[in-house]
Amino acid sequence: MPEITLEHAHRIVTRGRTAAQDSGMNAVFAILDQGANLVTFSRMDNAWLASNELAIAKARTSVMLQAPTETLNPPLTVGEPLPHFDHIHTGGLLLLGGGVPLFDDDGKLIGGLGVSGGTPDQDAALARAATA
């Protein structure tokens, strides 16, 4: 099976941390391999502690469903009540923006990145910047 190397994972996290700093955010980054096992984890100073588990859940979701989590989330509107939580977080999966699957040059799944620290849209933007 193809796999993500620690060096590759660190490059992704470095790009994500730079994007977060540029946007004034403190975020958490988790990269899992294609079997949803943790490869690397990075929590920026002053990032929310709750973001630790959220980043891992977003990475797991992107691996399991091989899709960006922002395409899987229910519509959320600021100031409106959240839909029933079971639709957002179920079985260790988190259906909110911030998770992206990682593929090798041949299009084979090698892992997933999860980002947490802002709104789902901000997290998704950081994940895209980290993998650009």
C-alpha atoms as a PDB file:
ATOM      1  CA  MET A   1       0.000   0.000   0.000  1.00  0.00           C
ATOM      2  CA  PRO A   2       1.215   3.528  -0.637  1.00  0.00           C
ATOM      3  CA  GLU A   3       1.967   5.471   2.496  1.00  0.00           C
ATOM      4  CA  ILE A   4       2.670   8.984   3.615  1.00  0.00           C
ATOM      5  CA  THR A   5       6.166   9.601   4.947  1.00  0.00           C
ATOM      6  CA  LEU A   6       6.841  11.577   8.092  1.00  0.00           C
ATOM      7  CA  GLU A   7       8.854  14.064   6.012  1.00  0.00           C
ATOM      8  CA  HIS A   8       5.905  14.612   3.659  1.00  0.00           C
ATOM      9  CA  ALA A   9       3.544  15.002   6.627  1.00  0.00           C
ATOM     10  CA  HIS A  10       5.843  17.579   8.229  1.00  0.00           C
ATOM     11  CA  ARG A  11       5.929  19.627   5.005  1.00  0.00           C
ATOM     12  CA  ILE A  12       2.122  19.717   4.946  1.00  0.00           C
ATOM     13  CA  VAL A  13       1.946  20.788   8.588  1.00  0.00           C
ATOM     14  CA  THR A  14       4.577  23.491   8.032  1.00  0.00           C
ATOM     15  CA  ARG A  15       2.537  24.983   5.161  1.00  0.00           C
ATOM     16  CA  GLY A  16      -0.600  24.842   7.301  1.00  0.00           C
ATOM     17  CA  ARG A  17       1.051  26.514  10.290  1.00  0.00           C
ATOM     18  CA  THR A  18       2.388  29.277   8.031  1.00  0.00           C
ATOM     19  CA  ALA A  19      -1.095  29.855   6.584  1.00  0.00           C
ATOM     20  CA  ALA A  20      -2.572  29.936  10.098  1.00  0.00           C
ATOM     21  CA  GLN A  21       0.011  32.461  11.295  1.00  0.00           C
ATOM     22  CA  ASP A  22      -0.604  34.604   8.210  1.00  0.00           C
ATOM     23  CA  SER A  23      -4.325  34.656   9.004  1.00  0.00           C
ATOM     24  CA  GLY A  24      -3.826  35.328  12.726  1.00  0.00           C
ATOM     25  CA  MET A  25      -5.117  31.918  13.799  1.00  0.00           C
ATOM     26  CA  ASN A  26      -3.848  29.266  16.199  1.00  0.00           C
ATOM     27  CA  ALA A  27      -4.720  25.830  14.914  1.00  0.00           C
ATOM     28  CA  VAL A  28      -4.145  22.128  15.398  1.00  0.00           C
ATOM     29  CA  PHE A  29      -2.999  19.861  12.552  1.00  0.00           C
ATOM     30  CA  ALA A  30      -3.279  16.071  12.511  1.00  0.00           C
ATOM     31  CA  ILE A  31      -2.125  13.780   9.728  1.00  0.00           C
ATOM     32  CA  LEU A  32      -3.202  10.153   9.610  1.00  0.00           C
ATOM     33  CA  ASP A  33      -2.052   7.401   7.251  1.00  0.00           C
ATOM     34  CA  GLN A  34      -4.382   5.481   4.913  1.00  0.00           C
ATOM     35  CA  GLY A  35      -5.359   3.193   7.826  1.00  0.00           C
ATOM     36  CA  ALA A  36      -6.346   6.218   9.967  1.00  0.00           C
ATOM     37  CA  ASN A  37      -3.292   5.877  12.236  1.00  0.00           C
ATOM     38  CA  LEU A  38      -1.652   9.049  13.540  1.00  0.00           C
ATOM     39  CA  VAL A  39       1.510  10.035  11.627  1.00  0.00           C
ATOM     40  CA  THR A  40       2.084  13.521  13.053  1.00  0.00           C
ATOM     41  CA  PHE A  41       0.285  16.032  15.225  1.00  0.00           C
ATOM     42  CA  SER A  42       0.997  19.727  15.789  1.00  0.00           C
ATOM     43  CA  ARG A  43      -0.805  22.127  18.129  1.00  0.00           C
ATOM     44  CA  MET A  44       0.117  25.783  17.785  1.00  0.00           C
ATOM     45  CA  ASP A  45       0.579  27.772  20.986  1.00  0.00           C
ATOM     46  CA  ASN A  46      -2.754  29.004  22.363  1.00  0.00           C
ATOM     47  CA  ALA A  47      -4.832  26.774  20.066  1.00  0.00           C
ATOM     48  CA  TRP A  48      -7.998  25.529  21.721  1.00  0.00           C
ATOM     49  CA  LEU A  49      -7.544  22.235  23.557  1.00  0.00           C
ATOM     50  CA  ALA A  50     -10.818  20.966  22.093  1.00  0.00           C
ATOM     51  CA  SER A  51      -9.234  21.294  18.644  1.00  0.00           C
ATOM     52  CA  ASN A  52      -6.920  18.354  19.392  1.00  0.00           C
ATOM     53  CA  GLU A  53      -9.664  15.755  19.114  1.00  0.00           C
ATOM     54  CA  LEU A  54     -11.526  17.670  16.407  1.00  0.00           C
ATOM     55  CA  ALA A  55      -8.496  17.752  14.088  1.00  0.00           C
ATOM     56  CA  ILE A  56      -7.991  14.000  14.455  1.00  0.00           C
ATOM     57  CA  ALA A  57     -11.697  13.327  13.841  1.00  0.00           C
ATOM     58  CA  LYS A  58     -11.643  15.466  10.672  1.00  0.00           C
ATOM     59  CA  ALA A  59      -8.552  13.638   9.387  1.00  0.00           C
ATOM     60  CA  ARG A  60     -10.190  10.272  10.154  1.00  0.00           C
ATOM     61  CA  THR A  61     -13.339  11.321   8.316  1.00  0.00           C
ATOM     62  CA  SER A  62     -11.396  12.395   5.235  1.00  0.00           C
ATOM     63  CA  VAL A  63      -9.576   9.032   5.184  1.00  0.00           C
ATOM     64  CA  MET A  64     -12.681   6.922   5.760  1.00  0.00           C
ATOM     65  CA  LEU A  65     -14.814   8.728   3.195  1.00  0.00           C
ATOM     66  CA  GLN A  66     -11.962   9.797   0.867  1.00  0.00           C
ATOM     67  CA  ALA A  67     -13.488  13.245   0.540  1.00  0.00           C
ATOM     68  CA  PRO A  68     -12.941  16.716   1.965  1.00  0.00           C
ATOM     69  CA  THR A  69     -15.076  17.101   5.063  1.00  0.00           C
ATOM     70  CA  GLU A  70     -16.322  20.494   3.899  1.00  0.00           C
ATOM     71  CA  THR A  71     -18.250  18.668   1.138  1.00  0.00           C
ATOM     72  CA  LEU A  72     -19.888  16.411   3.722  1.00  0.00           C
ATOM     73  CA  ASN A  73     -21.051  18.918   6.312  1.00  0.00           C
ATOM     74  CA  PRO A  74     -24.623  20.060   6.786  1.00  0.00           C
ATOM     75  CA  PRO A  75     -25.229  23.741   6.100  1.00  0.00           C
ATOM     76  CA  LEU A  76     -24.455  25.887   9.150  1.00  0.00           C
ATOM     77  CA  THR A  77     -25.554  29.481   9.580  1.00  0.00           C
ATOM     78  CA  VAL A  78     -24.137  31.758  12.246  1.00  0.00           C
ATOM     79  CA  GLY A  79     -26.839  32.577  14.763  1.00  0.00           C
ATOM     80  CA  GLU A  80     -29.003  29.608  13.755  1.00  0.00           C
ATOM     81  CA  PRO A  81     -29.379  26.465  15.884  1.00  0.00           C
ATOM     82  CA  LEU A  82     -27.136  23.551  14.952  1.00  0.00           C
ATOM     83  CA  PRO A  83     -28.715  20.510  13.322  1.00  0.00           C
ATOM     84  CA  HIS A  84     -28.935  17.444  15.537  1.00  0.00           C
ATOM     85  CA  PHE A  85     -25.374  16.621  16.643  1.00  0.00           C
ATOM     86  CA  ASP A  86     -25.581  12.999  15.403  1.00  0.00           C
ATOM     87  CA  HIS A  87     -25.537  14.373  11.859  1.00  0.00           C
ATOM     88  CA  ILE A  88     -22.326  16.285  12.520  1.00  0.00           C
ATOM     89  CA  HIS A  89     -20.316  13.841  14.661  1.00  0.00           C
ATOM     90  CA  THR A  90     -20.945  10.133  14.516  1.00  0.00           C
ATOM     91  CA  GLY A  91     -18.746   7.112  15.130  1.00  0.00           C
ATOM     92  CA  GLY A  92     -15.566   9.166  15.435  1.00  0.00           C
ATOM     93  CA  LEU A  93     -16.268  10.981  12.173  1.00  0.00           C
ATOM     94  CA  LEU A  94     -16.710  14.741  12.031  1.00  0.00           C
ATOM     95  CA  LEU A  95     -18.689  16.242   9.173  1.00  0.00           C
ATOM     96  CA  LEU A  96     -17.355  19.797   9.410  1.00  0.00           C
ATOM     97  CA  GLY A  97     -14.831  21.588   7.185  1.00  0.00           C
ATOM     98  CA  GLY A  98     -11.151  21.083   7.916  1.00  0.00           C
ATOM     99  CA  GLY A  99     -10.402  17.544   6.765  1.00  0.00           C
ATOM    100  CA  VAL A 100      -8.897  16.583   3.406  1.00  0.00           C
ATOM    101  CA  PRO A 101      -7.787  13.218   2.062  1.00  0.00           C
ATOM    102  CA  LEU A 102      -4.208  12.945   0.842  1.00  0.00           C
ATOM    103  CA  PHE A 103      -3.372  11.121  -2.386  1.00  0.00           C
ATOM    104  CA  ASP A 104      -0.076  10.171  -4.017  1.00  0.00           C
ATOM    105  CA  ASP A 105       0.848  11.104  -7.592  1.00  0.00           C
ATOM    106  CA  ASP A 106      -1.003   8.011  -8.871  1.00  0.00           C
ATOM    107  CA  GLY A 107      -4.217   9.050  -7.122  1.00  0.00           C
ATOM    108  CA  LYS A 108      -3.954   6.422  -4.352  1.00  0.00           C
ATOM    109  CA  LEU A 109      -5.034   7.368  -0.859  1.00  0.00           C
ATOM    110  CA  ILE A 110      -2.053   7.833   1.473  1.00  0.00           C
ATOM    111  CA  GLY A 111      -3.751   9.531   4.406  1.00  0.00           C
ATOM    112  CA  GLY A 112      -5.709  12.512   5.597  1.00  0.00           C
ATOM    113  CA  LEU A 113      -5.165  15.935   7.136  1.00  0.00           C
ATOM    114  CA  GLY A 114      -7.403  17.385   9.818  1.00  0.00           C
ATOM    115  CA  VAL A 115      -7.315  21.032  10.895  1.00  0.00           C
ATOM    116  CA  SER A 116      -9.157  22.688  13.764  1.00  0.00           C
ATOM    117  CA  GLY A 117      -8.893  26.116  15.310  1.00  0.00           C
ATOM    118  CA  GLY A 118     -11.452  28.359  13.668  1.00  0.00           C
ATOM    119  CA  THR A 119     -14.805  28.122  11.952  1.00  0.00           C
ATOM    120  CA  PRO A 120     -15.375  25.166   9.620  1.00  0.00           C
ATOM    121  CA  ASP A 121     -14.755  27.482   6.642  1.00  0.00           C
ATOM    122  CA  GLN A 122     -11.501  28.777   8.150  1.00  0.00           C
ATOM    123  CA  ASP A 123     -10.338  25.256   8.947  1.00  0.00           C
ATOM    124  CA  ALA A 124     -11.146  24.118   5.408  1.00  0.00           C
ATOM    125  CA  ALA A 125      -9.172  27.045   3.974  1.00  0.00           C
ATOM    126  CA  LEU A 126      -6.160  26.139   6.145  1.00  0.00           C
ATOM    127  CA  ALA A 127      -6.381  22.508   5.042  1.00  0.00           C
ATOM    128  CA  ARG A 128      -6.451  23.564   1.390  1.00  0.00           C
ATOM    129  CA  ALA A 129      -3.471  25.900   1.931  1.00  0.00           C
ATOM    130  CA  ALA A 130      -1.511  23.142   3.681  1.00  0.00           C
ATOM    131  CA  THR A 131      -2.009  20.747   0.799  1.00  0.00           C
ATOM    132  CA  ALA A 132      -1.546  23.224  -2.068  1.00  0.00           C
END
